[in-house]
Amino acid sequence: MVGVRDARSEKGGGARWQHKRGKRQILVAHVWTWARLTAAAGITFVVLAVAGFVVRGVPPSPGEPLADARAYYVDHRIGVLTFVFLDCLAMFRLVAFAAGLGGSWRGAAVSRGASSPA
């Protein structure tokens, strides 16, 4: 593969590198940026989800009396609220990861010449 600078990037100042593969040209810098963001979203999802479960602790089982459950939530209020906050952040990262993964699969299918779903 031969690296070629895009003529549009010469005027704008931003470097965009392309590789020629047959008749198609792939913007490599753009693809790597989204791939890294997708990977970062997946990694931060796992980290936030695990951290949330660690902070929460072990809740009482559903069969225990209501007084025990109430005492747990009163004693571990900050941990439970932190778990909810971290879990919400983790869900946003999961959505970002799924969107990035879907975009990369679609881009791979289009670059292979497969028809993309409309």
C-alpha atoms as a PDB file:
ATOM      1  CA  MET A   1       0.000   0.000   0.000  1.00  0.00           C
ATOM      2  CA  VAL A   2       1.241   3.462  -0.848  1.00  0.00           C
ATOM      3  CA  GLY A   3       0.490   6.408   1.476  1.00  0.00           C
ATOM      4  CA  VAL A   4      -0.755   9.535  -0.276  1.00  0.00           C
ATOM      5  CA  ARG A   5      -1.719  12.893   1.187  1.00  0.00           C
ATOM      6  CA  ASP A   6      -5.202  14.128   0.433  1.00  0.00           C
ATOM      7  CA  ALA A   7      -5.179  17.277  -1.723  1.00  0.00           C
ATOM      8  CA  ARG A   8      -7.944  18.819   0.385  1.00  0.00           C
ATOM      9  CA  SER A   9      -5.865  18.548   3.535  1.00  0.00           C
ATOM     10  CA  GLU A  10      -2.978  20.517   2.019  1.00  0.00           C
ATOM     11  CA  LYS A  11      -5.151  23.644   1.899  1.00  0.00           C
ATOM     12  CA  GLY A  12      -6.865  23.143   5.252  1.00  0.00           C
ATOM     13  CA  GLY A  13      -3.711  22.330   7.188  1.00  0.00           C
ATOM     14  CA  GLY A  14      -5.012  19.078   8.706  1.00  0.00           C
ATOM     15  CA  ALA A  15      -3.225  15.960   7.531  1.00  0.00           C
ATOM     16  CA  ARG A  16      -5.418  13.174   6.220  1.00  0.00           C
ATOM     17  CA  TRP A  17      -3.587  10.082   5.102  1.00  0.00           C
ATOM     18  CA  GLN A  18      -5.069   7.755   2.549  1.00  0.00           C
ATOM     19  CA  HIS A  19      -4.089   4.345   1.309  1.00  0.00           C
ATOM     20  CA  LYS A  20      -4.940   3.270  -2.201  1.00  0.00           C
ATOM     21  CA  ARG A  21      -6.397  -0.190  -2.494  1.00  0.00           C
ATOM     22  CA  GLY A  22      -7.578  -0.815  -6.029  1.00  0.00           C
ATOM     23  CA  LYS A  23     -10.048   1.904  -6.937  1.00  0.00           C
ATOM     24  CA  ARG A  24     -11.087   2.685  -3.368  1.00  0.00           C
ATOM     25  CA  GLN A  25      -9.318   5.006  -0.983  1.00  0.00           C
ATOM     26  CA  ILE A  26      -9.648   4.531   2.770  1.00  0.00           C
ATOM     27  CA  LEU A  27      -9.163   7.384   5.255  1.00  0.00           C
ATOM     28  CA  VAL A  28      -6.907   5.609   7.708  1.00  0.00           C
ATOM     29  CA  ALA A  29      -6.600   8.376  10.314  1.00  0.00           C
ATOM     30  CA  HIS A  30     -10.379   8.682  10.581  1.00  0.00           C
ATOM     31  CA  VAL A  31     -10.846   4.943  10.974  1.00  0.00           C
ATOM     32  CA  TRP A  32      -8.188   4.658  13.690  1.00  0.00           C
ATOM     33  CA  THR A  33      -9.650   7.571  15.647  1.00  0.00           C
ATOM     34  CA  TRP A  34     -13.085   5.948  15.831  1.00  0.00           C
ATOM     35  CA  ALA A  35     -11.574   2.560  16.580  1.00  0.00           C
ATOM     36  CA  ARG A  36      -9.668   4.001  19.528  1.00  0.00           C
ATOM     37  CA  LEU A  37     -12.737   5.836  20.830  1.00  0.00           C
ATOM     38  CA  THR A  38     -14.787   2.643  20.550  1.00  0.00           C
ATOM     39  CA  ALA A  39     -12.146   0.670  22.432  1.00  0.00           C
ATOM     40  CA  ALA A  40     -11.915   3.362  25.117  1.00  0.00           C
ATOM     41  CA  ALA A  41     -15.698   3.325  25.541  1.00  0.00           C
ATOM     42  CA  GLY A  42     -15.688  -0.457  25.966  1.00  0.00           C
ATOM     43  CA  ILE A  43     -12.865  -0.406  28.490  1.00  0.00           C
ATOM     44  CA  THR A  44     -14.385   2.416  30.536  1.00  0.00           C
ATOM     45  CA  PHE A  45     -17.739   0.605  30.517  1.00  0.00           C
ATOM     46  CA  VAL A  46     -16.156  -2.451  32.123  1.00  0.00           C
ATOM     47  CA  VAL A  47     -14.173  -0.369  34.633  1.00  0.00           C
ATOM     48  CA  LEU A  48     -17.193   1.710  35.684  1.00  0.00           C
ATOM     49  CA  ALA A  49     -19.483  -1.313  35.961  1.00  0.00           C
ATOM     50  CA  VAL A  50     -17.021  -3.261  38.111  1.00  0.00           C
ATOM     51  CA  ALA A  51     -16.276  -0.218  40.278  1.00  0.00           C
ATOM     52  CA  GLY A  52     -19.991   0.305  40.841  1.00  0.00           C
ATOM     53  CA  PHE A  53     -20.518  -3.248  42.020  1.00  0.00           C
ATOM     54  CA  VAL A  54     -17.483  -3.072  44.313  1.00  0.00           C
ATOM     55  CA  VAL A  55     -18.646   0.192  45.911  1.00  0.00           C
ATOM     56  CA  ARG A  56     -22.177  -1.097  46.456  1.00  0.00           C
ATOM     57  CA  GLY A  57     -21.205  -4.048  48.580  1.00  0.00           C
ATOM     58  CA  VAL A  58     -23.359  -7.134  49.121  1.00  0.00           C
ATOM     59  CA  PRO A  59     -27.052  -6.273  49.469  1.00  0.00           C
ATOM     60  CA  PRO A  60     -29.388  -8.387  51.605  1.00  0.00           C
ATOM     61  CA  SER A  61     -31.150 -11.291  49.935  1.00  0.00           C
ATOM     62  CA  PRO A  62     -34.828 -10.868  48.996  1.00  0.00           C
ATOM     63  CA  GLY A  63     -35.916 -13.434  51.577  1.00  0.00           C
ATOM     64  CA  GLU A  64     -34.586 -11.491  54.562  1.00  0.00           C
ATOM     65  CA  PRO A  65     -36.869  -9.372  56.733  1.00  0.00           C
ATOM     66  CA  LEU A  66     -37.674  -5.813  55.670  1.00  0.00           C
ATOM     67  CA  ALA A  67     -35.889  -4.397  58.723  1.00  0.00           C
ATOM     68  CA  ASP A  68     -32.594  -5.897  57.531  1.00  0.00           C
ATOM     69  CA  ALA A  69     -33.017  -4.452  54.040  1.00  0.00           C
ATOM     70  CA  ARG A  70     -33.884  -1.042  55.464  1.00  0.00           C
ATOM     71  CA  ALA A  71     -30.864  -1.141  57.779  1.00  0.00           C
ATOM     72  CA  TYR A  72     -28.599  -2.060  54.850  1.00  0.00           C
ATOM     73  CA  TYR A  73     -29.766   0.851  52.701  1.00  0.00           C
ATOM     74  CA  VAL A  74     -29.546   3.300  55.595  1.00  0.00           C
ATOM     75  CA  ASP A  75     -26.008   2.170  56.475  1.00  0.00           C
ATOM     76  CA  HIS A  76     -24.766   1.972  52.850  1.00  0.00           C
ATOM     77  CA  ARG A  77     -26.564   5.000  51.395  1.00  0.00           C
ATOM     78  CA  ILE A  78     -23.466   6.612  49.864  1.00  0.00           C
ATOM     79  CA  GLY A  79     -22.288   3.312  48.375  1.00  0.00           C
ATOM     80  CA  VAL A  80     -25.669   2.616  46.781  1.00  0.00           C
ATOM     81  CA  LEU A  81     -25.924   6.152  45.360  1.00  0.00           C
ATOM     82  CA  THR A  82     -22.371   5.881  44.016  1.00  0.00           C
ATOM     83  CA  PHE A  83     -23.294   2.540  42.435  1.00  0.00           C
ATOM     84  CA  VAL A  84     -26.293   4.119  40.691  1.00  0.00           C
ATOM     85  CA  PHE A  85     -24.179   7.026  39.424  1.00  0.00           C
ATOM     86  CA  LEU A  86     -21.363   4.786  38.144  1.00  0.00           C
ATOM     87  CA  ASP A  87     -23.852   2.392  36.590  1.00  0.00           C
ATOM     88  CA  CYS A  88     -25.537   5.256  34.694  1.00  0.00           C
ATOM     89  CA  LEU A  89     -22.150   6.412  33.384  1.00  0.00           C
ATOM     90  CA  ALA A  90     -21.343   2.829  32.419  1.00  0.00           C
ATOM     91  CA  MET A  91     -24.585   2.544  30.439  1.00  0.00           C
ATOM     92  CA  PHE A  92     -23.729   5.684  28.440  1.00  0.00           C
ATOM     93  CA  ARG A  93     -20.348   4.134  27.654  1.00  0.00           C
ATOM     94  CA  LEU A  94     -22.034   0.881  26.648  1.00  0.00           C
ATOM     95  CA  VAL A  95     -24.240   2.767  24.184  1.00  0.00           C
ATOM     96  CA  ALA A  96     -21.179   4.564  22.780  1.00  0.00           C
ATOM     97  CA  PHE A  97     -19.330   1.249  22.465  1.00  0.00           C
ATOM     98  CA  ALA A  98     -22.268  -0.409  20.699  1.00  0.00           C
ATOM     99  CA  ALA A  99     -22.617   2.517  18.286  1.00  0.00           C
ATOM    100  CA  GLY A 100     -18.902   2.487  17.497  1.00  0.00           C
ATOM    101  CA  LEU A 101     -18.874  -1.269  17.039  1.00  0.00           C
ATOM    102  CA  GLY A 102     -21.872  -1.124  14.725  1.00  0.00           C
ATOM    103  CA  GLY A 103     -20.247   1.655  12.713  1.00  0.00           C
ATOM    104  CA  SER A 104     -17.011  -0.264  12.350  1.00  0.00           C
ATOM    105  CA  TRP A 105     -18.863  -3.417  11.248  1.00  0.00           C
ATOM    106  CA  ARG A 106     -20.829  -1.424   8.721  1.00  0.00           C
ATOM    107  CA  GLY A 107     -17.661   0.264   7.466  1.00  0.00           C
ATOM    108  CA  ALA A 108     -15.964  -3.109   7.109  1.00  0.00           C
ATOM    109  CA  ALA A 109     -18.924  -4.493   5.179  1.00  0.00           C
ATOM    110  CA  VAL A 110     -18.992  -1.483   2.859  1.00  0.00           C
ATOM    111  CA  SER A 111     -15.232  -1.639   2.228  1.00  0.00           C
ATOM    112  CA  ARG A 112     -15.551  -5.337   1.296  1.00  0.00           C
ATOM    113  CA  GLY A 113     -18.236  -4.438  -1.193  1.00  0.00           C
ATOM    114  CA  ALA A 114     -21.119  -6.030   0.671  1.00  0.00           C
ATOM    115  CA  SER A 115     -24.447  -4.259   0.533  1.00  0.00           C
ATOM    116  CA  SER A 116     -25.196  -2.204   3.626  1.00  0.00           C
ATOM    117  CA  PRO A 117     -28.599  -2.407   5.298  1.00  0.00           C
ATOM    118  CA  ALA A 118     -30.749   0.581   4.438  1.00  0.00           C
END
